[in-house]
C-alpha cells in the first residue's frame, strides 16, 4: 500500500521552511502532493498566480533534491478535505513553527476531522532555523529591497524581485548587489 499525504497551502511564495517540510514529509510518505491553493475569492493579498507558485515549488524541489517523482503539485480551491477525498489521500501534513500555530492548526484539524472523519492530520515541527519564516515576512522584506537569499531558493528570490520591480516598487532594485 502506498502511503500518501497532502501538504496544502498558499505558498506565496514558497520558502525554505516549506521546502524543509516537503522534504521531510517525503521521507515519511511514499508520495507527497503539495496542494497549492488558488484563492479564487482571496481573503488575503496574493502576489503570484497559482501556476507561478506551483512552478516555483517544482523548480525549488528539483534544485534542492534533484528530480523527485514522489513529490507533485496540484492547484485547488475550496476545502482541503474535498481535495484529499478527490485524490484519495488519507493524511494532511501541516507545519508548526511556534506555539501559537498549534492552536490554529488544532482547530483546523478538528474541523477537518468533523467533515472527513477518516482524514488524519500529521503536524511536523519546523526546524529551529526556520521558525521566523513566513511568506508574509519574505514578501515584506523583498518588497523593501532586503536580501531574502537565506530564506528562499534562488528561483523564488529572482521571481520576488522581478515582481516587485514590475509593480513599480523600485526599492527591490536597490538590493541588486545582494542578489549578485
N, C-alpha and C. Protein backbone atom coordinates (compact mmCIF):
# COMPACT_ATOMS: atom_id res chain seq x y z
N UNK A 1 0.82 -1.18 0.00
CA UNK A 1 0.00 0.00 0.00
C UNK A 1 0.87 1.25 0.00
N UNK A 2 0.57 2.17 -0.88
CA UNK A 2 1.33 3.41 -0.97
C UNK A 2 0.79 4.39 0.06
N UNK A 3 1.68 4.94 0.86
CA UNK A 3 1.30 5.94 1.86
C UNK A 3 1.40 7.32 1.22
N UNK A 4 0.26 8.00 1.17
CA UNK A 4 0.19 9.31 0.50
C UNK A 4 -0.22 10.39 1.50
N UNK A 5 0.32 11.59 1.30
CA UNK A 5 -0.03 12.72 2.15
C UNK A 5 -0.22 13.97 1.30
N UNK A 6 -1.05 14.86 1.79
CA UNK A 6 -1.33 16.14 1.15
C UNK A 6 -0.78 17.24 2.03
N UNK A 7 0.04 18.11 1.46
CA UNK A 7 0.56 19.28 2.16
C UNK A 7 -0.04 20.51 1.48
N UNK A 8 -1.13 21.06 2.05
CA UNK A 8 -1.81 22.18 1.42
C UNK A 8 -1.28 23.52 1.92
N UNK A 9 -1.39 24.53 1.07
CA UNK A 9 -1.01 25.87 1.49
C UNK A 9 -1.12 26.85 0.36
N UNK A 10 -0.87 28.10 0.69
CA UNK A 10 -0.88 29.15 -0.32
C UNK A 10 0.49 29.24 -0.99
N UNK A 11 1.55 29.14 -0.21
CA UNK A 11 2.93 29.15 -0.72
C UNK A 11 3.18 30.40 -1.58
N UNK A 12 2.89 31.57 -1.02
CA UNK A 12 3.01 32.83 -1.77
C UNK A 12 4.02 33.76 -1.12
N UNK A 13 5.31 33.47 -1.27
CA UNK A 13 5.94 32.40 -2.03
C UNK A 13 6.37 31.25 -1.12
N UNK A 14 6.80 30.17 -1.77
CA UNK A 14 7.39 29.05 -1.06
C UNK A 14 8.71 29.52 -0.46
N UNK A 15 9.04 29.08 0.74
CA UNK A 15 10.30 29.43 1.38
C UNK A 15 10.96 28.16 1.92
N UNK A 16 12.15 28.33 2.49
CA UNK A 16 12.90 27.17 2.94
C UNK A 16 12.20 26.38 4.04
N UNK A 17 11.36 27.01 4.83
CA UNK A 17 10.57 26.27 5.82
C UNK A 17 9.61 25.31 5.15
N UNK A 18 8.92 25.78 4.10
CA UNK A 18 8.03 24.91 3.33
C UNK A 18 8.82 23.77 2.68
N UNK A 19 9.92 24.12 2.04
CA UNK A 19 10.73 23.12 1.33
C UNK A 19 11.20 22.04 2.31
N UNK A 20 11.63 22.46 3.49
CA UNK A 20 12.07 21.50 4.51
C UNK A 20 10.94 20.55 4.90
N UNK A 21 9.74 21.09 5.09
CA UNK A 21 8.61 20.23 5.45
C UNK A 21 8.26 19.27 4.32
N UNK A 22 8.33 19.74 3.08
CA UNK A 22 8.05 18.86 1.94
C UNK A 22 9.07 17.73 1.90
N UNK A 23 10.33 18.07 2.06
CA UNK A 23 11.39 17.05 2.03
C UNK A 23 11.23 16.04 3.16
N UNK A 24 10.92 16.52 4.36
CA UNK A 24 10.76 15.63 5.50
C UNK A 24 9.52 14.76 5.36
N UNK A 25 8.45 15.33 4.84
CA UNK A 25 7.23 14.53 4.61
C UNK A 25 7.52 13.44 3.59
N UNK A 26 8.35 13.75 2.59
CA UNK A 26 8.70 12.76 1.57
C UNK A 26 9.51 11.60 2.14
N UNK A 27 10.16 11.81 3.27
CA UNK A 27 10.88 10.72 3.94
C UNK A 27 9.92 9.80 4.70
N UNK A 28 8.76 10.32 5.06
CA UNK A 28 7.78 9.56 5.83
C UNK A 28 6.76 8.87 4.92
N UNK A 29 6.35 9.58 3.87
CA UNK A 29 5.30 9.09 2.97
C UNK A 29 5.89 8.74 1.61
N UNK A 30 5.26 7.79 0.94
CA UNK A 30 5.71 7.38 -0.40
C UNK A 30 5.46 8.48 -1.44
N UNK A 31 4.38 9.22 -1.23
CA UNK A 31 4.03 10.30 -2.15
C UNK A 31 3.51 11.49 -1.35
N UNK A 32 4.01 12.67 -1.70
CA UNK A 32 3.54 13.91 -1.10
C UNK A 32 2.97 14.77 -2.22
N UNK A 33 1.70 15.13 -2.07
CA UNK A 33 1.06 16.03 -3.02
C UNK A 33 0.99 17.40 -2.35
N UNK A 34 1.62 18.38 -2.99
CA UNK A 34 1.59 19.74 -2.48
C UNK A 34 0.39 20.43 -3.14
N UNK A 35 -0.62 20.72 -2.33
CA UNK A 35 -1.82 21.39 -2.82
C UNK A 35 -1.64 22.89 -2.73
N UNK A 36 -1.64 23.54 -3.89
CA UNK A 36 -1.41 24.99 -3.95
C UNK A 36 -2.76 25.67 -4.11
N UNK A 37 -3.16 26.38 -3.08
CA UNK A 37 -4.49 26.99 -3.05
C UNK A 37 -4.59 28.12 -4.05
N UNK A 38 -5.66 28.11 -4.85
CA UNK A 38 -5.78 29.08 -5.95
C UNK A 38 -6.46 30.38 -5.57
N UNK A 39 -7.10 30.44 -4.42
CA UNK A 39 -7.70 31.69 -3.94
C UNK A 39 -8.56 32.38 -4.98
N UNK A 40 -9.56 31.68 -5.47
CA UNK A 40 -10.47 32.30 -6.44
C UNK A 40 -11.19 33.49 -5.82
N UNK A 41 -11.46 33.43 -4.52
CA UNK A 41 -12.01 34.56 -3.77
C UNK A 41 -11.05 34.82 -2.61
N UNK A 42 -9.93 35.48 -2.90
CA UNK A 42 -8.89 35.59 -1.87
C UNK A 42 -9.32 36.41 -0.66
N UNK A 43 -8.98 35.87 0.51
CA UNK A 43 -9.20 36.61 1.75
C UNK A 43 -7.95 37.38 2.12
N UNK A 44 -6.90 37.16 1.36
CA UNK A 44 -5.67 37.91 1.58
C UNK A 44 -5.03 38.21 0.24
N UNK A 45 -4.12 39.15 0.25
CA UNK A 45 -3.47 39.58 -0.99
C UNK A 45 -2.50 38.49 -1.47
N UNK A 46 -2.62 38.16 -2.74
CA UNK A 46 -1.78 37.13 -3.35
C UNK A 46 -0.87 37.80 -4.37
N UNK A 47 0.42 37.54 -4.28
CA UNK A 47 1.40 38.16 -5.17
C UNK A 47 1.57 37.38 -6.47
N UNK A 48 1.56 36.04 -6.39
CA UNK A 48 1.81 35.20 -7.55
C UNK A 48 0.58 34.37 -7.90
N UNK A 49 0.43 34.07 -9.18
CA UNK A 49 -0.68 33.21 -9.60
C UNK A 49 -0.42 31.78 -9.11
N UNK A 50 -1.45 30.98 -9.14
CA UNK A 50 -1.31 29.59 -8.70
C UNK A 50 -0.30 28.85 -9.59
N UNK A 51 -0.29 29.12 -10.88
CA UNK A 51 0.67 28.46 -11.77
C UNK A 51 2.10 28.91 -11.48
N UNK A 52 2.29 30.19 -11.18
CA UNK A 52 3.62 30.68 -10.83
C UNK A 52 4.10 30.05 -9.53
N UNK A 53 3.21 29.93 -8.55
CA UNK A 53 3.58 29.32 -7.26
C UNK A 53 3.91 27.85 -7.43
N UNK A 54 3.13 27.14 -8.25
CA UNK A 54 3.43 25.72 -8.50
C UNK A 54 4.79 25.57 -9.15
N UNK A 55 5.09 26.39 -10.14
CA UNK A 55 6.37 26.31 -10.83
C UNK A 55 7.53 26.61 -9.88
N UNK A 56 7.36 27.60 -9.01
CA UNK A 56 8.42 27.91 -8.05
C UNK A 56 8.68 26.72 -7.13
N UNK A 57 7.62 26.08 -6.68
CA UNK A 57 7.78 24.90 -5.81
C UNK A 57 8.48 23.78 -6.56
N UNK A 58 8.00 23.49 -7.77
CA UNK A 58 8.60 22.40 -8.57
C UNK A 58 10.06 22.68 -8.87
N UNK A 59 10.40 23.91 -9.25
CA UNK A 59 11.80 24.26 -9.53
C UNK A 59 12.65 24.16 -8.27
N UNK A 60 12.11 24.62 -7.15
CA UNK A 60 12.87 24.56 -5.89
C UNK A 60 13.12 23.13 -5.46
N UNK A 61 12.13 22.28 -5.61
CA UNK A 61 12.29 20.87 -5.25
C UNK A 61 13.34 20.23 -6.15
N UNK A 62 13.30 20.53 -7.44
CA UNK A 62 14.28 19.97 -8.37
C UNK A 62 15.69 20.45 -8.07
N UNK A 63 15.83 21.74 -7.72
CA UNK A 63 17.15 22.29 -7.40
C UNK A 63 17.69 21.68 -6.12
N UNK A 64 16.83 21.53 -5.12
CA UNK A 64 17.30 21.06 -3.82
C UNK A 64 17.44 19.54 -3.73
N UNK A 65 16.57 18.83 -4.40
CA UNK A 65 16.54 17.37 -4.26
C UNK A 65 16.93 16.61 -5.50
N UNK A 66 17.08 17.26 -6.62
CA UNK A 66 17.12 16.54 -7.87
C UNK A 66 15.68 16.17 -8.21
N UNK A 67 15.45 15.54 -9.30
CA UNK A 67 14.08 15.19 -9.67
C UNK A 67 13.56 14.14 -8.72
N UNK A 68 12.44 14.44 -8.08
CA UNK A 68 11.85 13.52 -7.12
C UNK A 68 10.40 13.28 -7.53
N UNK A 69 10.14 12.09 -8.05
CA UNK A 69 8.81 11.79 -8.57
C UNK A 69 7.78 11.51 -7.49
N UNK A 70 8.22 11.46 -6.23
CA UNK A 70 7.25 11.23 -5.16
C UNK A 70 6.63 12.53 -4.66
N UNK A 71 7.05 13.66 -5.20
CA UNK A 71 6.50 14.95 -4.82
C UNK A 71 5.88 15.59 -6.06
N UNK A 72 4.59 15.91 -5.96
CA UNK A 72 3.89 16.56 -7.06
C UNK A 72 3.13 17.76 -6.52
N UNK A 73 2.73 18.63 -7.42
CA UNK A 73 1.92 19.78 -7.03
C UNK A 73 0.59 19.74 -7.79
N UNK A 74 -0.45 20.22 -7.14
CA UNK A 74 -1.75 20.36 -7.78
C UNK A 74 -2.38 21.67 -7.31
N UNK A 75 -3.07 22.36 -8.21
CA UNK A 75 -3.81 23.54 -7.77
C UNK A 75 -5.14 23.10 -7.18
N UNK A 76 -5.67 23.89 -6.26
CA UNK A 76 -7.01 23.59 -5.77
C UNK A 76 -7.66 24.84 -5.22
N UNK A 77 -8.97 24.81 -5.18
CA UNK A 77 -9.75 25.84 -4.50
C UNK A 77 -10.81 25.09 -3.70
N UNK A 78 -11.38 25.73 -2.76
CA UNK A 78 -12.36 25.03 -1.93
C UNK A 78 -11.72 24.43 -0.71
N UNK A 79 -12.37 23.43 -0.18
CA UNK A 79 -11.92 22.82 1.06
C UNK A 79 -10.78 21.81 0.84
N UNK A 80 -9.83 21.84 1.74
CA UNK A 80 -8.72 20.88 1.70
C UNK A 80 -9.24 19.45 1.81
N UNK A 81 -10.24 19.22 2.65
CA UNK A 81 -10.78 17.87 2.82
C UNK A 81 -11.37 17.36 1.50
N UNK A 82 -11.96 18.24 0.72
CA UNK A 82 -12.52 17.82 -0.57
C UNK A 82 -11.41 17.40 -1.53
N UNK A 83 -10.30 18.14 -1.52
CA UNK A 83 -9.16 17.75 -2.37
C UNK A 83 -8.61 16.40 -1.92
N UNK A 84 -8.45 16.22 -0.62
CA UNK A 84 -7.94 14.94 -0.10
C UNK A 84 -8.85 13.79 -0.51
N UNK A 85 -10.16 13.98 -0.38
CA UNK A 85 -11.11 12.94 -0.80
C UNK A 85 -11.00 12.67 -2.30
N UNK A 86 -10.96 13.73 -3.09
CA UNK A 86 -10.89 13.60 -4.55
C UNK A 86 -9.66 12.82 -4.98
N UNK A 87 -8.54 13.06 -4.30
CA UNK A 87 -7.28 12.39 -4.65
C UNK A 87 -7.08 11.07 -3.92
N UNK A 88 -7.98 10.75 -3.00
CA UNK A 88 -7.84 9.51 -2.24
C UNK A 88 -6.67 9.53 -1.28
N UNK A 89 -6.40 10.71 -0.70
CA UNK A 89 -5.27 10.87 0.21
C UNK A 89 -5.81 10.91 1.64
N UNK A 90 -5.29 10.03 2.52
CA UNK A 90 -5.83 9.92 3.87
C UNK A 90 -5.17 10.81 4.93
N UNK A 91 -4.10 11.53 4.56
CA UNK A 91 -3.34 12.29 5.56
C UNK A 91 -3.05 13.69 5.06
N UNK A 92 -3.26 14.67 5.93
CA UNK A 92 -2.86 16.05 5.67
C UNK A 92 -1.64 16.34 6.52
N UNK A 93 -0.62 16.92 5.93
CA UNK A 93 0.59 17.32 6.64
C UNK A 93 0.55 18.83 6.81
N UNK A 94 0.83 19.27 8.02
CA UNK A 94 0.91 20.70 8.32
C UNK A 94 2.15 20.95 9.16
N UNK A 95 2.64 22.18 9.11
CA UNK A 95 3.82 22.54 9.88
C UNK A 95 3.48 23.41 11.07
N UNK A 96 4.27 23.26 12.12
CA UNK A 96 4.14 24.09 13.31
C UNK A 96 5.46 24.81 13.53
N UNK A 97 5.40 26.15 13.52
CA UNK A 97 6.61 26.95 13.74
C UNK A 97 6.75 27.35 15.20
N UNK A 98 5.71 27.95 15.70
CA UNK A 98 5.72 28.47 17.07
C UNK A 98 4.47 27.97 17.78
N UNK A 99 4.43 28.16 19.09
CA UNK A 99 3.34 27.61 19.88
C UNK A 99 1.97 28.12 19.41
N UNK A 100 1.89 29.38 19.00
CA UNK A 100 0.60 29.93 18.56
C UNK A 100 0.07 29.21 17.32
N UNK A 101 0.95 28.62 16.51
CA UNK A 101 0.49 27.83 15.36
C UNK A 101 -0.31 26.62 15.81
N UNK A 102 0.03 26.08 16.99
CA UNK A 102 -0.63 24.87 17.46
C UNK A 102 -2.14 25.08 17.59
N UNK A 103 -2.55 26.18 18.21
CA UNK A 103 -3.99 26.42 18.40
C UNK A 103 -4.71 26.52 17.06
N UNK A 104 -4.12 27.27 16.14
CA UNK A 104 -4.70 27.42 14.79
C UNK A 104 -4.83 26.06 14.10
N UNK A 105 -3.74 25.31 14.07
CA UNK A 105 -3.73 24.02 13.38
C UNK A 105 -4.61 23.00 14.10
N UNK A 106 -4.68 23.06 15.41
CA UNK A 106 -5.53 22.17 16.19
C UNK A 106 -6.99 22.36 15.79
N UNK A 107 -7.43 23.62 15.72
CA UNK A 107 -8.82 23.90 15.32
C UNK A 107 -9.11 23.41 13.92
N UNK A 108 -8.16 23.63 12.98
CA UNK A 108 -8.38 23.16 11.61
C UNK A 108 -8.41 21.65 11.54
N UNK A 109 -7.55 21.00 12.28
CA UNK A 109 -7.55 19.53 12.28
C UNK A 109 -8.88 18.99 12.80
N UNK A 110 -9.41 19.61 13.85
CA UNK A 110 -10.71 19.17 14.38
C UNK A 110 -11.84 19.43 13.39
N UNK A 111 -11.81 20.59 12.74
CA UNK A 111 -12.84 20.89 11.74
C UNK A 111 -12.75 19.92 10.57
N UNK A 112 -11.53 19.63 10.13
CA UNK A 112 -11.35 18.67 9.03
C UNK A 112 -11.84 17.29 9.43
N UNK A 113 -11.55 16.89 10.66
CA UNK A 113 -12.00 15.58 11.12
C UNK A 113 -13.53 15.53 11.19
N UNK A 114 -14.16 16.64 11.55
CA UNK A 114 -15.63 16.69 11.58
C UNK A 114 -16.19 16.48 10.19
N UNK A 115 -15.55 17.09 9.18
CA UNK A 115 -16.04 16.97 7.79
C UNK A 115 -15.63 15.66 7.14
N UNK A 116 -14.49 15.12 7.55
CA UNK A 116 -13.97 13.88 6.95
C UNK A 116 -13.33 13.04 8.06
N UNK A 117 -14.14 12.25 8.78
CA UNK A 117 -13.66 11.51 9.95
C UNK A 117 -12.48 10.58 9.70
N UNK A 118 -12.31 10.10 8.49
CA UNK A 118 -11.20 9.18 8.23
C UNK A 118 -9.90 9.91 7.86
N UNK A 119 -9.95 11.21 7.73
CA UNK A 119 -8.78 12.00 7.36
C UNK A 119 -7.94 12.31 8.60
N UNK A 120 -6.68 11.97 8.56
CA UNK A 120 -5.76 12.24 9.66
C UNK A 120 -4.93 13.48 9.36
N UNK A 121 -4.50 14.16 10.41
CA UNK A 121 -3.59 15.30 10.27
C UNK A 121 -2.30 14.97 10.99
N UNK A 122 -1.18 15.18 10.32
CA UNK A 122 0.14 14.99 10.90
C UNK A 122 0.82 16.36 10.91
N UNK A 123 1.23 16.80 12.10
CA UNK A 123 1.94 18.07 12.22
C UNK A 123 3.42 17.81 12.39
N UNK A 124 4.21 18.48 11.57
CA UNK A 124 5.66 18.41 11.68
C UNK A 124 6.17 19.71 12.29
N UNK A 125 7.03 19.59 13.26
CA UNK A 125 7.62 20.77 13.91
C UNK A 125 8.72 21.29 13.01
N UNK A 126 8.70 22.58 12.77
CA UNK A 126 9.72 23.18 11.90
C UNK A 126 11.10 23.10 12.54
N UNK A 127 12.08 23.16 11.73
CA UNK A 127 13.45 23.22 12.25
C UNK A 127 13.66 24.61 12.86
N UNK A 128 14.49 24.67 13.86
CA UNK A 128 14.70 25.93 14.59
C UNK A 128 15.08 27.09 13.67
N UNK A 129 15.91 26.83 12.69
CA UNK A 129 16.37 27.92 11.82
C UNK A 129 15.26 28.50 10.93
N UNK A 130 14.11 27.83 10.88
CA UNK A 130 13.00 28.31 10.04
C UNK A 130 11.84 28.88 10.86
N UNK A 131 11.96 28.95 12.17
CA UNK A 131 10.81 29.35 12.98
C UNK A 131 10.31 30.75 12.68
N UNK A 132 11.16 31.63 12.24
CA UNK A 132 10.75 33.01 11.96
C UNK A 132 10.14 33.17 10.57
N UNK A 133 10.30 32.17 9.72
CA UNK A 133 9.89 32.31 8.32
C UNK A 133 8.39 32.24 8.12
N UNK A 134 7.90 33.15 7.33
CA UNK A 134 6.54 33.09 6.82
C UNK A 134 6.57 33.75 5.45
N UNK A 135 5.64 33.40 4.61
CA UNK A 135 5.58 34.01 3.29
C UNK A 135 5.37 35.51 3.39
N UNK A 136 4.58 35.94 4.37
CA UNK A 136 4.33 37.37 4.57
C UNK A 136 5.63 38.10 4.90
N UNK A 137 6.44 37.52 5.78
CA UNK A 137 7.72 38.12 6.13
C UNK A 137 8.63 38.22 4.91
N UNK A 138 8.70 37.15 4.15
CA UNK A 138 9.55 37.13 2.95
C UNK A 138 9.09 38.20 1.96
N UNK A 139 7.78 38.29 1.72
CA UNK A 139 7.27 39.30 0.79
C UNK A 139 7.60 40.71 1.26
N UNK A 140 7.41 40.96 2.54
CA UNK A 140 7.68 42.29 3.09
C UNK A 140 9.14 42.67 2.92
N UNK A 141 10.04 41.78 3.26
CA UNK A 141 11.47 42.07 3.14
C UNK A 141 11.84 42.30 1.67
N UNK A 142 11.37 41.44 0.78
CA UNK A 142 11.69 41.60 -0.65
C UNK A 142 11.11 42.89 -1.21
N UNK A 143 9.90 43.26 -0.78
CA UNK A 143 9.27 44.48 -1.30
C UNK A 143 10.04 45.73 -0.92
N UNK A 144 10.79 45.64 0.17
CA UNK A 144 11.58 46.78 0.64
C UNK A 144 13.04 46.69 0.21
N UNK A 145 13.34 45.75 -0.66
CA UNK A 145 14.69 45.63 -1.20
C UNK A 145 15.64 44.84 -0.34
N UNK A 146 15.14 44.14 0.68
CA UNK A 146 16.00 43.36 1.55
C UNK A 146 16.45 42.06 0.91
N UNK A 147 17.48 41.50 1.48
CA UNK A 147 18.06 40.25 0.99
C UNK A 147 17.29 39.06 1.53
N UNK A 148 16.64 38.31 0.67
CA UNK A 148 15.88 37.13 1.07
C UNK A 148 16.57 35.83 0.65
N UNK A 149 17.82 35.92 0.24
CA UNK A 149 18.53 34.75 -0.29
C UNK A 149 18.70 33.63 0.74
N UNK A 150 18.68 33.94 2.02
CA UNK A 150 18.80 32.89 3.04
C UNK A 150 17.44 32.31 3.41
N UNK A 151 16.36 32.86 2.85
CA UNK A 151 15.01 32.46 3.21
C UNK A 151 14.29 31.67 2.13
N UNK A 152 14.68 31.89 0.88
CA UNK A 152 14.01 31.27 -0.26
C UNK A 152 15.04 30.76 -1.26
N UNK A 153 14.68 29.76 -2.06
CA UNK A 153 15.58 29.30 -3.11
C UNK A 153 15.85 30.42 -4.13
N UNK A 154 16.95 30.34 -4.86
CA UNK A 154 17.30 31.40 -5.82
C UNK A 154 16.20 31.72 -6.83
N UNK A 155 15.50 30.69 -7.34
CA UNK A 155 14.45 30.95 -8.32
C UNK A 155 13.32 31.79 -7.72
N UNK A 156 13.05 31.60 -6.45
CA UNK A 156 11.98 32.35 -5.78
C UNK A 156 12.43 33.78 -5.51
N UNK A 157 13.68 33.96 -5.08
CA UNK A 157 14.20 35.32 -4.86
C UNK A 157 14.14 36.12 -6.15
N UNK A 158 14.57 35.51 -7.25
CA UNK A 158 14.52 36.21 -8.55
C UNK A 158 13.10 36.59 -8.92
N UNK A 159 12.16 35.69 -8.72
CA UNK A 159 10.76 35.96 -9.04
C UNK A 159 10.21 37.09 -8.17
N UNK A 160 10.57 37.10 -6.90
CA UNK A 160 10.11 38.16 -6.00
C UNK A 160 10.62 39.52 -6.44
N UNK A 161 11.93 39.64 -6.67
CA UNK A 161 12.50 40.93 -7.07
C UNK A 161 11.91 41.38 -8.41
N UNK A 162 11.76 40.45 -9.33
CA UNK A 162 11.18 40.81 -10.64
C UNK A 162 9.74 41.29 -10.49
N UNK A 163 8.96 40.63 -9.65
CA UNK A 163 7.56 41.01 -9.46
C UNK A 163 7.46 42.41 -8.85
N UNK A 164 8.27 42.67 -7.83
CA UNK A 164 8.20 43.98 -7.20
C UNK A 164 8.70 45.09 -8.13
N UNK A 165 9.69 44.79 -8.95
CA UNK A 165 10.12 45.77 -9.95
C UNK A 165 9.01 46.03 -10.95
N UNK A 166 8.34 44.98 -11.40
CA UNK A 166 7.24 45.12 -12.37
C UNK A 166 6.07 45.90 -11.76
N UNK A 167 5.88 45.78 -10.46
CA UNK A 167 4.81 46.51 -9.79
C UNK A 167 5.20 47.96 -9.50
N UNK A 168 6.43 48.31 -9.88
CA UNK A 168 6.88 49.68 -9.67
C UNK A 168 7.45 49.94 -8.30
N UNK A 169 7.71 48.90 -7.56
CA UNK A 169 8.33 49.06 -6.25
C UNK A 169 9.83 48.95 -6.43
N UNK A 170 10.43 50.07 -6.82
CA UNK A 170 11.84 50.10 -7.19
C UNK A 170 12.78 49.85 -6.03
N UNK A 171 12.26 49.81 -4.81
CA UNK A 171 13.11 49.50 -3.67
C UNK A 171 13.78 48.15 -3.85
N UNK A 172 13.09 47.24 -4.53
CA UNK A 172 13.65 45.91 -4.74
C UNK A 172 14.92 45.97 -5.56
N UNK A 173 15.01 46.95 -6.47
CA UNK A 173 16.22 47.04 -7.31
C UNK A 173 17.40 47.52 -6.51
N UNK A 174 17.19 48.15 -5.35
CA UNK A 174 18.29 48.62 -4.51
C UNK A 174 19.11 47.46 -3.96
N UNK A 175 18.52 46.28 -3.90
CA UNK A 175 19.25 45.14 -3.33
C UNK A 175 19.94 44.32 -4.41
N UNK A 176 20.14 44.90 -5.59
CA UNK A 176 20.76 44.15 -6.69
C UNK A 176 22.13 43.61 -6.28
N UNK A 177 22.87 44.38 -5.51
CA UNK A 177 24.20 43.90 -5.10
C UNK A 177 24.09 42.68 -4.19
N UNK A 178 23.01 42.58 -3.43
CA UNK A 178 22.81 41.42 -2.56
C UNK A 178 22.50 40.18 -3.37
N UNK A 179 21.86 40.37 -4.54
CA UNK A 179 21.43 39.24 -5.36
C UNK A 179 22.53 38.75 -6.28
N UNK A 180 23.55 39.56 -6.50
CA UNK A 180 24.62 39.17 -7.43
C UNK A 180 25.64 38.27 -6.80
